[in-house]
Amino acid sequence: GHDRQIGTTGVVVNPDLYLAFGISGAVQHTAGLGHPDHIVSVNTDPHCPMMAMADLAVVADANATLDALAALLGFSQRIDDLDEPDAQEASHG
């Protein structure tokens, strides 16, 4: 729903730390960013707007980076589609 979206169709956030994995930085999204204290962006496109806004810009595949981070933190599984309420149940059989 719109309560889980940031930007013109969702909510405005003002986080201390904003992690942007695979977010290009389109105006429709950045309109909802408010004023984060710090932005970390992970994207394969080093020239996308979000990378220019970032305090730390990492040129890498967002999915691969999230998988590596999850493994480092000891998470055994990842839900790929948060919009499907039974995505986690479907993965269990």
N, C-alpha and C. Protein backbone atom coordinates (compact mmCIF):
# COMPACT_ATOMS: atom_id res chain seq x y z
N GLY A 1 0.81 -1.18 0.00
CA GLY A 1 0.00 0.00 0.00
C GLY A 1 0.86 1.26 0.00
N HIS A 2 0.19 2.37 -0.10
CA HIS A 2 0.88 3.66 -0.15
C HIS A 2 1.59 3.99 1.16
N ASP A 3 1.17 3.38 2.27
CA ASP A 3 1.83 3.64 3.54
C ASP A 3 3.23 3.04 3.61
N ARG A 4 3.59 2.19 2.62
CA ARG A 4 4.92 1.59 2.57
C ARG A 4 5.77 2.19 1.45
N GLN A 5 5.25 3.23 0.80
CA GLN A 5 5.96 3.88 -0.29
C GLN A 5 6.45 5.25 0.16
N ILE A 6 7.59 5.63 -0.39
CA ILE A 6 8.15 6.95 -0.10
C ILE A 6 8.03 7.79 -1.36
N GLY A 7 7.57 9.00 -1.23
CA GLY A 7 7.51 9.89 -2.38
C GLY A 7 6.14 10.47 -2.62
N THR A 8 5.91 10.89 -3.86
CA THR A 8 4.68 11.60 -4.19
C THR A 8 3.44 10.74 -4.00
N THR A 9 3.54 9.41 -4.11
CA THR A 9 2.37 8.55 -3.90
C THR A 9 2.35 7.94 -2.51
N GLY A 10 3.31 8.30 -1.67
CA GLY A 10 3.39 7.69 -0.34
C GLY A 10 3.61 8.70 0.75
N VAL A 11 4.57 8.41 1.60
CA VAL A 11 4.83 9.23 2.78
C VAL A 11 6.15 9.97 2.66
N VAL A 12 6.35 10.96 3.53
CA VAL A 12 7.62 11.68 3.65
C VAL A 12 8.31 11.16 4.89
N VAL A 13 9.60 10.86 4.77
CA VAL A 13 10.38 10.36 5.90
C VAL A 13 11.53 11.31 6.19
N ASN A 14 11.99 11.33 7.42
CA ASN A 14 13.14 12.13 7.84
C ASN A 14 14.06 11.27 8.70
N PRO A 15 14.68 10.26 8.10
CA PRO A 15 15.50 9.34 8.90
C PRO A 15 16.88 9.90 9.21
N ASP A 16 17.50 9.33 10.24
CA ASP A 16 18.90 9.64 10.51
C ASP A 16 19.77 9.02 9.42
N LEU A 17 19.42 7.80 9.01
CA LEU A 17 20.17 7.06 7.99
C LEU A 17 19.19 6.49 6.99
N TYR A 18 19.38 6.82 5.71
CA TYR A 18 18.54 6.29 4.64
C TYR A 18 19.40 5.38 3.78
N LEU A 19 19.00 4.11 3.69
CA LEU A 19 19.71 3.13 2.86
C LEU A 19 18.94 2.96 1.57
N ALA A 20 19.55 3.32 0.45
CA ALA A 20 18.89 3.26 -0.85
C ALA A 20 19.53 2.13 -1.67
N PHE A 21 18.90 0.98 -1.67
CA PHE A 21 19.40 -0.17 -2.44
C PHE A 21 18.64 -0.25 -3.75
N GLY A 22 19.32 0.03 -4.86
CA GLY A 22 18.70 -0.05 -6.17
C GLY A 22 17.72 1.07 -6.47
N ILE A 23 17.80 2.17 -5.75
CA ILE A 23 16.92 3.32 -5.95
C ILE A 23 17.64 4.33 -6.84
N SER A 24 17.03 4.66 -7.98
CA SER A 24 17.71 5.55 -8.93
C SER A 24 17.72 7.00 -8.47
N GLY A 25 16.70 7.39 -7.70
CA GLY A 25 16.62 8.77 -7.25
C GLY A 25 15.68 9.60 -8.09
N ALA A 26 14.66 8.97 -8.67
CA ALA A 26 13.66 9.70 -9.44
C ALA A 26 12.98 10.73 -8.55
N VAL A 27 12.58 11.83 -9.13
CA VAL A 27 11.96 12.93 -8.39
C VAL A 27 10.74 12.45 -7.60
N GLN A 28 9.97 11.52 -8.17
CA GLN A 28 8.78 11.01 -7.48
C GLN A 28 9.14 10.34 -6.16
N HIS A 29 10.34 9.78 -6.06
CA HIS A 29 10.80 9.13 -4.83
C HIS A 29 11.47 10.14 -3.90
N THR A 30 12.39 10.91 -4.43
CA THR A 30 13.16 11.83 -3.59
C THR A 30 12.28 12.93 -2.98
N ALA A 31 11.11 13.18 -3.55
CA ALA A 31 10.18 14.16 -2.98
C ALA A 31 9.76 13.75 -1.57
N GLY A 32 9.84 12.47 -1.26
CA GLY A 32 9.43 11.99 0.05
C GLY A 32 10.56 11.77 1.02
N LEU A 33 11.77 12.14 0.64
CA LEU A 33 12.92 11.88 1.50
C LEU A 33 13.07 12.84 2.67
N GLY A 34 12.50 14.00 2.59
CA GLY A 34 12.72 14.95 3.67
C GLY A 34 14.19 15.33 3.72
N HIS A 35 14.79 15.28 4.90
CA HIS A 35 16.20 15.64 5.05
C HIS A 35 16.93 14.60 5.89
N PRO A 36 17.28 13.45 5.27
CA PRO A 36 18.03 12.45 6.03
C PRO A 36 19.39 12.99 6.45
N ASP A 37 19.86 12.58 7.63
CA ASP A 37 21.19 12.99 8.08
C ASP A 37 22.28 12.38 7.20
N HIS A 38 22.08 11.12 6.83
CA HIS A 38 23.06 10.41 6.00
C HIS A 38 22.34 9.53 5.00
N ILE A 39 22.89 9.45 3.78
CA ILE A 39 22.34 8.59 2.74
C ILE A 39 23.43 7.65 2.26
N VAL A 40 23.11 6.35 2.23
CA VAL A 40 23.99 5.35 1.64
C VAL A 40 23.24 4.80 0.44
N SER A 41 23.87 4.84 -0.73
CA SER A 41 23.24 4.37 -1.95
C SER A 41 24.05 3.24 -2.56
N VAL A 42 23.35 2.16 -2.94
CA VAL A 42 23.96 1.04 -3.64
C VAL A 42 23.23 0.90 -4.96
N ASN A 43 23.96 1.08 -6.07
CA ASN A 43 23.35 1.04 -7.39
C ASN A 43 24.42 0.69 -8.42
N THR A 44 24.00 0.03 -9.50
CA THR A 44 24.95 -0.30 -10.56
C THR A 44 25.24 0.91 -11.45
N ASP A 45 24.40 1.93 -11.38
CA ASP A 45 24.58 3.15 -12.19
C ASP A 45 25.25 4.23 -11.35
N PRO A 46 26.54 4.46 -11.57
CA PRO A 46 27.25 5.45 -10.76
C PRO A 46 26.79 6.89 -11.01
N HIS A 47 26.02 7.09 -12.09
CA HIS A 47 25.60 8.45 -12.46
C HIS A 47 24.14 8.74 -12.13
N CYS A 48 23.45 7.82 -11.47
CA CYS A 48 22.04 8.07 -11.15
C CYS A 48 21.94 9.15 -10.06
N PRO A 49 20.84 9.87 -10.00
CA PRO A 49 20.69 10.97 -9.04
C PRO A 49 20.92 10.57 -7.58
N MET A 50 20.49 9.38 -7.18
CA MET A 50 20.64 8.98 -5.78
C MET A 50 22.11 8.85 -5.40
N MET A 51 22.94 8.42 -6.33
CA MET A 51 24.37 8.29 -6.04
C MET A 51 24.98 9.67 -5.80
N ALA A 52 24.50 10.67 -6.53
CA ALA A 52 25.00 12.04 -6.35
C ALA A 52 24.56 12.61 -5.00
N MET A 53 23.41 12.17 -4.49
CA MET A 53 22.89 12.65 -3.21
C MET A 53 23.55 11.96 -2.02
N ALA A 54 24.16 10.81 -2.27
CA ALA A 54 24.63 9.94 -1.19
C ALA A 54 25.90 10.45 -0.51
N ASP A 55 25.96 10.22 0.81
CA ASP A 55 27.19 10.45 1.56
C ASP A 55 28.17 9.31 1.29
N LEU A 56 27.62 8.12 1.07
CA LEU A 56 28.42 6.94 0.71
C LEU A 56 27.74 6.30 -0.48
N ALA A 57 28.41 6.29 -1.63
CA ALA A 57 27.87 5.71 -2.86
C ALA A 57 28.66 4.45 -3.20
N VAL A 58 27.96 3.32 -3.29
CA VAL A 58 28.59 2.04 -3.59
C VAL A 58 28.10 1.58 -4.95
N VAL A 59 29.02 1.44 -5.90
CA VAL A 59 28.66 0.96 -7.23
C VAL A 59 28.70 -0.57 -7.19
N ALA A 60 27.50 -1.16 -7.08
CA ALA A 60 27.36 -2.61 -6.98
C ALA A 60 25.91 -2.98 -7.23
N ASP A 61 25.68 -4.26 -7.48
CA ASP A 61 24.33 -4.78 -7.64
C ASP A 61 23.63 -4.78 -6.28
N ALA A 62 22.48 -4.14 -6.20
CA ALA A 62 21.76 -4.02 -4.92
C ALA A 62 21.34 -5.38 -4.36
N ASN A 63 20.83 -6.27 -5.22
CA ASN A 63 20.40 -7.59 -4.74
C ASN A 63 21.57 -8.40 -4.20
N ALA A 64 22.68 -8.40 -4.92
CA ALA A 64 23.86 -9.14 -4.46
C ALA A 64 24.39 -8.56 -3.16
N THR A 65 24.36 -7.24 -3.04
CA THR A 65 24.83 -6.59 -1.82
C THR A 65 23.93 -6.93 -0.64
N LEU A 66 22.61 -6.92 -0.86
CA LEU A 66 21.68 -7.28 0.21
C LEU A 66 21.85 -8.74 0.62
N ASP A 67 22.05 -9.63 -0.36
CA ASP A 67 22.27 -11.04 -0.04
C ASP A 67 23.53 -11.22 0.80
N ALA A 68 24.60 -10.52 0.42
CA ALA A 68 25.86 -10.62 1.18
C ALA A 68 25.69 -10.04 2.59
N LEU A 69 24.98 -8.94 2.70
CA LEU A 69 24.73 -8.33 4.01
C LEU A 69 23.88 -9.25 4.89
N ALA A 70 22.85 -9.85 4.30
CA ALA A 70 22.00 -10.79 5.04
C ALA A 70 22.81 -11.98 5.54
N ALA A 71 23.70 -12.49 4.70
CA ALA A 71 24.54 -13.62 5.10
C ALA A 71 25.48 -13.21 6.23
N LEU A 72 26.05 -12.02 6.13
CA LEU A 72 26.93 -11.52 7.18
C LEU A 72 26.22 -11.38 8.52
N LEU A 73 24.96 -10.97 8.46
CA LEU A 73 24.17 -10.76 9.67
C LEU A 73 23.51 -12.05 10.17
N GLY A 74 23.67 -13.13 9.41
CA GLY A 74 23.15 -14.41 9.84
C GLY A 74 21.70 -14.68 9.49
N PHE A 75 21.14 -13.91 8.55
CA PHE A 75 19.77 -14.18 8.11
C PHE A 75 19.78 -15.33 7.12
N SER A 76 18.87 -16.28 7.29
CA SER A 76 18.90 -17.46 6.44
C SER A 76 18.00 -17.34 5.22
N GLN A 77 17.06 -16.41 5.22
CA GLN A 77 16.20 -16.25 4.06
C GLN A 77 15.81 -14.79 3.88
N ARG A 78 15.34 -14.49 2.67
CA ARG A 78 14.95 -13.14 2.33
C ARG A 78 13.60 -13.17 1.64
N ILE A 79 12.73 -12.26 1.98
CA ILE A 79 11.44 -12.15 1.30
C ILE A 79 11.65 -11.21 0.13
N ASP A 80 11.41 -11.72 -1.10
CA ASP A 80 11.68 -10.93 -2.30
C ASP A 80 10.59 -9.92 -2.61
N ASP A 81 9.34 -10.21 -2.26
CA ASP A 81 8.25 -9.31 -2.62
C ASP A 81 7.41 -8.99 -1.39
N LEU A 82 7.66 -7.85 -0.78
CA LEU A 82 6.95 -7.47 0.44
C LEU A 82 5.50 -7.09 0.18
N ASP A 83 5.12 -6.87 -1.09
CA ASP A 83 3.74 -6.51 -1.40
C ASP A 83 2.80 -7.71 -1.35
N GLU A 84 3.34 -8.94 -1.40
CA GLU A 84 2.52 -10.13 -1.32
C GLU A 84 2.47 -10.61 0.12
N PRO A 85 1.29 -10.51 0.78
CA PRO A 85 1.22 -10.86 2.20
C PRO A 85 1.59 -12.30 2.49
N ASP A 86 1.35 -13.22 1.56
CA ASP A 86 1.71 -14.60 1.85
C ASP A 86 2.96 -15.06 1.12
N ALA A 87 3.85 -14.13 0.78
CA ALA A 87 5.10 -14.50 0.11
C ALA A 87 5.94 -15.40 1.00
N GLN A 88 5.96 -15.11 2.31
CA GLN A 88 6.75 -15.92 3.22
C GLN A 88 6.12 -17.30 3.38
N GLU A 89 4.79 -17.37 3.47
CA GLU A 89 4.11 -18.66 3.59
C GLU A 89 4.34 -19.51 2.35
N ALA A 90 4.31 -18.89 1.16
CA ALA A 90 4.50 -19.63 -0.08
C ALA A 90 5.89 -20.25 -0.15
N SER A 91 6.87 -19.59 0.44
CA SER A 91 8.23 -20.12 0.39
C SER A 91 8.41 -21.32 1.31
N HIS A 92 7.44 -21.52 2.22
CA HIS A 92 7.54 -22.65 3.15
C HIS A 92 6.75 -23.86 2.69
N GLY A 93 6.12 -23.79 1.53
CA GLY A 93 5.50 -24.98 1.02
C GLY A 93 4.08 -24.88 0.78
